[in-house]
């Protein structure tokens, strides 16, 4: 490694910085935190980084955040640049094995406002949520390559809450039918998200699909039903059968739901 550094005229201080990152197995870092991580202060860290970027040892992700030139893990990068961010929606559906379809865009939910951007050719969409809705997030990966992602139940609920980020309602229905879900988590996260229409839609769907393991969730969802009717597909046309028990209008009929479930890719 040292011979490689010398071959491109890397200074001793720059070599020391790279070696410390090697020792600590750091691939992605912020200028604000890196000296504490490696236990060493440098006289002019900004100049070191600018020189190493110019020599293609590192790439700038955004202001103050860097990674090794060959590091391109989009899940780690996306959550690294979004404070308290988590992989969610369509991206989490795919990573959790609930859909074979995938988007070129990485979807990240965060309680902080962040503008969408493209990094190393990958588009990132940041969806701001209320801090109270931040739940069901699991740490994935290892070492410096860790990231946060919503668990199965929270992923499903988030997609019903904001279906425009789910890859399509039919795909979401299929994902719900395939997912191994726990009633207690669904109830907990529905109380967190606090969207009665979402709770009704999922309860009705669990009932139609005869998911007996979700009986306590179905009972909970029924207890949340109010007088107001909602469309089953919130982005669909205002038509279809009215189901009084659930206060839903089925703009996707029960037979169409079952056809969606049985459709092969």
Protein backbone atom coordinates (compact mmCIF):
# COMPACT_ATOMS: atom_id res chain seq x y z
CA UNK A 1 0.00 0.00 0.00
CA UNK A 2 2.79 2.47 0.91
CA UNK A 3 4.50 1.99 -2.46
CA UNK A 4 1.21 2.85 -4.15
CA UNK A 5 0.91 6.03 -2.10
CA UNK A 6 4.46 7.08 -2.99
CA UNK A 7 3.89 6.36 -6.69
CA UNK A 8 1.40 9.22 -6.91
CA UNK A 9 3.45 11.60 -4.75
CA UNK A 10 1.42 11.33 -1.56
CA UNK A 11 2.91 13.21 1.38
CA UNK A 12 3.85 11.50 4.63
CA UNK A 13 0.91 13.15 6.43
CA UNK A 14 -1.51 12.01 3.71
CA UNK A 15 -0.08 8.48 3.89
CA UNK A 16 -0.60 8.50 7.66
CA UNK A 17 -4.23 9.55 7.25
CA UNK A 18 -4.90 6.75 4.75
CA UNK A 19 -3.17 4.16 6.94
CA UNK A 20 -5.30 5.14 9.92
CA UNK A 21 -8.46 4.73 7.84
CA UNK A 22 -7.15 1.32 6.76
CA UNK A 23 -6.45 0.35 10.38
CA UNK A 24 -9.96 1.34 11.49
CA UNK A 25 -11.57 -0.08 8.31
CA UNK A 26 -13.31 3.20 7.57
CA UNK A 27 -14.82 3.60 4.10
CA UNK A 28 -17.14 6.54 4.66
CA UNK A 29 -16.74 9.47 7.03
CA UNK A 30 -17.46 13.11 7.80
CA UNK A 31 -14.77 15.72 8.28
CA UNK A 32 -16.36 16.73 11.60
CA UNK A 33 -16.00 13.26 13.15
CA UNK A 34 -13.10 11.49 11.46
CA UNK A 35 -10.27 12.77 13.69
CA UNK A 36 -12.09 11.53 16.78
CA UNK A 37 -12.74 8.16 15.09
CA UNK A 38 -9.08 7.57 14.27
CA UNK A 39 -7.68 9.24 17.41
CA UNK A 40 -5.43 11.67 15.56
CA UNK A 41 -5.58 15.39 14.83
CA UNK A 42 -4.03 16.81 11.67
CA UNK A 43 -2.72 20.34 11.14
CA UNK A 44 -4.88 20.93 8.04
CA UNK A 45 -7.36 18.14 7.46
CA UNK A 46 -9.23 20.03 4.74
CA UNK A 47 -6.05 20.37 2.65
CA UNK A 48 -5.27 16.66 3.14
CA UNK A 49 -8.72 15.67 1.94
CA UNK A 50 -8.69 18.01 -1.04
CA UNK A 51 -5.33 16.61 -2.15
CA UNK A 52 -6.45 13.01 -1.72
CA UNK A 53 -9.65 13.70 -3.65
CA UNK A 54 -7.57 15.22 -6.43
CA UNK A 55 -5.40 12.08 -6.41
CA UNK A 56 -8.59 9.93 -6.52
CA UNK A 57 -8.14 8.21 -3.17
CA UNK A 58 -11.45 9.63 -1.94
CA UNK A 59 -14.68 11.04 -3.37
CA UNK A 60 -16.78 13.85 -1.96
CA UNK A 61 -20.38 12.74 -1.34
CA UNK A 62 -21.55 16.18 -0.28
CA UNK A 63 -20.08 19.04 1.70
CA UNK A 64 -18.10 17.64 4.62
CA UNK A 65 -18.84 13.97 3.81
CA UNK A 66 -16.49 11.64 1.96
CA UNK A 67 -15.91 8.02 1.01
CA UNK A 68 -13.23 5.92 -0.61
CA UNK A 69 -13.28 6.22 -4.40
CA UNK A 70 -14.38 2.59 -4.86
CA UNK A 71 -17.06 2.72 -2.14
CA UNK A 72 -20.53 2.81 -3.71
CA UNK A 73 -22.93 1.15 -1.23
CA UNK A 74 -26.01 3.28 -1.90
CA UNK A 75 -27.85 2.15 1.26
CA UNK A 76 -24.98 3.16 3.53
CA UNK A 77 -24.40 6.41 1.65
CA UNK A 78 -28.08 7.38 1.73
CA UNK A 79 -28.55 6.94 5.46
CA UNK A 80 -25.13 8.43 6.23
CA UNK A 81 -26.03 11.77 4.69
CA UNK A 82 -29.57 11.90 6.18
CA UNK A 83 -29.46 12.37 9.94
CA UNK A 84 -31.81 9.86 11.60
CA UNK A 85 -32.64 8.56 8.12
CA UNK A 86 -33.72 5.01 7.28
CA UNK A 87 -34.13 3.03 4.08
CA UNK A 88 -37.89 2.77 3.57
CA UNK A 89 -40.84 2.46 1.16
CA UNK A 90 -40.16 0.80 -2.22
CA UNK A 91 -36.44 0.32 -1.50
CA UNK A 92 -37.17 -1.45 1.80
CA UNK A 93 -39.90 -3.56 0.15
CA UNK A 94 -37.32 -4.85 -2.29
CA UNK A 95 -34.54 -5.32 0.27
CA UNK A 96 -36.94 -7.16 2.61
CA UNK A 97 -37.78 -9.57 -0.23
CA UNK A 98 -41.39 -8.39 -0.53
CA UNK A 99 -41.17 -7.38 -4.18
CA UNK A 100 -38.97 -8.37 -7.08
CA UNK A 101 -39.49 -4.96 -8.64
CA UNK A 102 -36.99 -2.28 -7.77
CA UNK A 103 -36.55 1.39 -8.37
CA UNK A 104 -33.38 3.12 -9.48
CA UNK A 105 -34.23 5.70 -6.81
CA UNK A 106 -33.28 5.04 -3.19
CA UNK A 107 -36.13 6.02 -0.83
CA UNK A 108 -35.16 7.31 2.59
CA UNK A 109 -37.45 8.59 5.31
CA UNK A 110 -36.12 11.15 7.73
CA UNK A 111 -37.59 13.46 10.38
CA UNK A 112 -35.47 16.27 8.92
CA UNK A 113 -35.97 18.21 5.71
CA UNK A 114 -33.45 17.21 3.04
CA UNK A 115 -33.50 17.95 -0.65
CA UNK A 116 -33.45 15.09 -3.15
CA UNK A 117 -30.14 14.61 -4.89
CA UNK A 118 -28.18 12.32 -7.18
CA UNK A 119 -24.90 10.88 -5.90
CA UNK A 120 -22.56 8.86 -8.12
CA UNK A 121 -25.40 8.50 -10.62
CA UNK A 122 -27.94 7.18 -8.07
CA UNK A 123 -31.05 9.32 -7.33
CA UNK A 124 -31.99 9.64 -3.65
CA UNK A 125 -35.44 10.74 -2.52
CA UNK A 126 -35.78 11.94 1.07
CA UNK A 127 -39.30 11.79 2.51
CA UNK A 128 -39.80 13.93 5.60
CA UNK A 129 -41.91 12.35 8.32
CA UNK A 130 -43.06 13.56 11.70
CA UNK A 131 -40.57 12.53 14.42
CA UNK A 132 -43.45 10.74 16.16
CA UNK A 133 -43.76 8.38 13.16
CA UNK A 134 -40.15 7.22 13.42
CA UNK A 135 -40.39 3.63 14.63
CA UNK A 136 -39.63 0.06 13.60
CA UNK A 137 -36.10 0.84 12.41
CA UNK A 138 -33.41 -1.86 12.44
CA UNK A 139 -29.65 -1.52 12.11
CA UNK A 140 -28.28 -3.55 9.21
CA UNK A 141 -24.79 -4.27 7.90
CA UNK A 142 -21.61 -4.25 9.96
CA UNK A 143 -18.76 -2.00 11.06
CA UNK A 144 -18.43 1.20 9.06
CA UNK A 145 -20.89 -0.22 6.54
CA UNK A 146 -23.99 -0.10 8.71
CA UNK A 147 -27.27 1.53 7.77
CA UNK A 148 -30.81 1.77 9.13
CA UNK A 149 -33.91 0.28 7.50
CA UNK A 150 -37.56 -0.11 8.47
CA UNK A 151 -38.58 -3.60 9.55
CA UNK A 152 -41.17 -5.62 7.61
CA UNK A 153 -44.25 -4.35 9.46
CA UNK A 154 -43.19 -0.70 9.42
CA UNK A 155 -42.24 -0.96 5.74
CA UNK A 156 -45.72 -2.22 4.88
CA UNK A 157 -47.47 0.45 6.96
CA UNK A 158 -45.29 3.24 5.56
CA UNK A 159 -46.11 2.13 2.01
CA UNK A 160 -49.85 2.14 2.75
CA UNK A 161 -49.40 5.55 4.39
CA UNK A 162 -47.62 6.99 1.31
CA UNK A 163 -48.41 4.54 -1.53
CA UNK A 164 -46.91 6.86 -4.17
CA UNK A 165 -43.53 5.64 -2.91
CA UNK A 166 -44.40 1.93 -2.90
CA UNK A 167 -44.03 1.01 -6.57
CA UNK A 168 -47.77 0.71 -7.19
CA UNK A 169 -50.82 -0.38 -5.21
CA UNK A 170 -51.04 -3.81 -6.85
CA UNK A 171 -47.42 -4.47 -5.88
CA UNK A 172 -48.19 -3.35 -2.33
CA UNK A 173 -51.17 -5.71 -2.11
CA UNK A 174 -48.94 -8.59 -3.24
CA UNK A 175 -46.29 -7.61 -0.70
CA UNK A 176 -48.89 -7.57 2.10
CA UNK A 177 -50.12 -11.03 1.13
CA UNK A 178 -46.57 -12.50 1.10
CA UNK A 179 -45.18 -10.83 4.21
CA UNK A 180 -44.92 -12.66 7.51
CA UNK A 181 -46.47 -10.06 9.80
CA UNK A 182 -46.96 -9.82 13.54
CA UNK A 183 -50.19 -8.38 14.89
CA UNK A 184 -48.54 -6.71 17.88
CA UNK A 185 -46.10 -4.80 15.68
CA UNK A 186 -48.82 -3.78 13.22
CA UNK A 187 -50.94 -2.45 16.07
CA UNK A 188 -47.98 -0.60 17.62
CA UNK A 189 -46.93 1.03 14.34
CA UNK A 190 -50.49 1.89 13.31
CA UNK A 191 -50.84 3.75 16.60
CA UNK A 192 -47.55 5.50 15.84
CA UNK A 193 -48.43 6.46 12.26
CA UNK A 194 -52.00 7.32 13.34
CA UNK A 195 -53.69 7.05 9.94
CA UNK A 196 -57.09 5.43 10.42
CA UNK A 197 -57.66 4.96 6.68
CA UNK A 198 -54.41 2.98 6.45
CA UNK A 199 -55.40 0.82 9.41
CA UNK A 200 -58.80 0.09 7.83
CA UNK A 201 -57.29 -0.81 4.46
CA UNK A 202 -54.83 -3.25 5.97
CA UNK A 203 -57.41 -4.75 8.32
CA UNK A 204 -59.84 -5.27 5.45
CA UNK A 205 -57.09 -6.78 3.29
CA UNK A 206 -56.01 -9.16 6.07
CA UNK A 207 -59.67 -10.18 6.43
CA UNK A 208 -60.16 -10.79 2.69
CA UNK A 209 -56.92 -12.79 2.50
CA UNK A 210 -57.97 -14.81 5.56
CA UNK A 211 -54.70 -14.14 7.37
CA UNK A 212 -55.76 -15.90 10.57
CA UNK A 213 -52.45 -15.10 12.25
CA UNK A 214 -53.50 -11.43 12.15
CA UNK A 215 -56.84 -11.91 13.95
CA UNK A 216 -55.94 -9.55 16.81
CA UNK A 217 -54.83 -6.92 14.29
CA UNK A 218 -58.07 -7.34 12.32
CA UNK A 219 -60.06 -6.85 15.53
CA UNK A 220 -57.98 -3.77 16.34
CA UNK A 221 -58.52 -2.34 12.84
CA UNK A 222 -62.28 -2.85 13.15
CA UNK A 223 -62.24 -0.97 16.44
CA UNK A 224 -60.73 2.04 14.64
CA UNK A 225 -63.48 2.33 12.01
CA UNK A 226 -65.29 5.67 12.05
CA UNK A 227 -68.26 6.99 10.04
CA UNK A 228 -66.20 8.38 7.17
CA UNK A 229 -65.76 6.25 4.05
CA UNK A 230 -62.38 5.98 2.35
CA UNK A 231 -61.36 4.60 -1.01
CA UNK A 232 -59.52 1.29 -0.76
CA UNK A 233 -56.95 2.58 -3.24
CA UNK A 234 -56.48 6.25 -2.30
CA UNK A 235 -54.98 7.02 -5.72
CA UNK A 236 -57.71 5.21 -7.68
CA UNK A 237 -61.06 6.36 -9.09
CA UNK A 238 -64.01 7.25 -6.87
CA UNK A 239 -66.16 4.22 -7.72
CA UNK A 240 -66.93 0.71 -6.53
CA UNK A 241 -68.85 -1.22 -3.87
CA UNK A 242 -69.37 0.33 -0.44
CA UNK A 243 -68.42 -2.01 2.44
CA UNK A 244 -70.27 -0.76 5.49
CA UNK A 245 -68.36 -2.90 8.02
CA UNK A 246 -65.05 -1.27 7.09
CA UNK A 247 -66.34 2.07 5.77
CA UNK A 248 -64.38 1.48 2.56
CA UNK A 249 -65.31 1.94 -1.07
CA UNK A 250 -63.77 -0.87 -3.10
CA UNK A 251 -62.39 0.80 -6.20
CA UNK A 252 -60.46 -2.47 -6.41
CA UNK A 253 -62.98 -5.29 -5.96
CA UNK A 254 -62.44 -8.39 -3.84
CA UNK A 255 -62.11 -10.53 -6.97
CA UNK A 256 -59.57 -8.07 -8.41
CA UNK A 257 -57.59 -8.22 -5.15
CA UNK A 258 -57.42 -12.01 -5.37
CA UNK A 259 -56.40 -11.82 -9.03
CA UNK A 260 -53.59 -9.43 -8.09
CA UNK A 261 -52.41 -11.87 -5.42
CA UNK A 262 -52.41 -14.78 -7.83
CA UNK A 263 -50.77 -12.94 -10.71
CA UNK A 264 -47.38 -14.30 -11.65
CA UNK A 265 -44.44 -12.03 -12.36
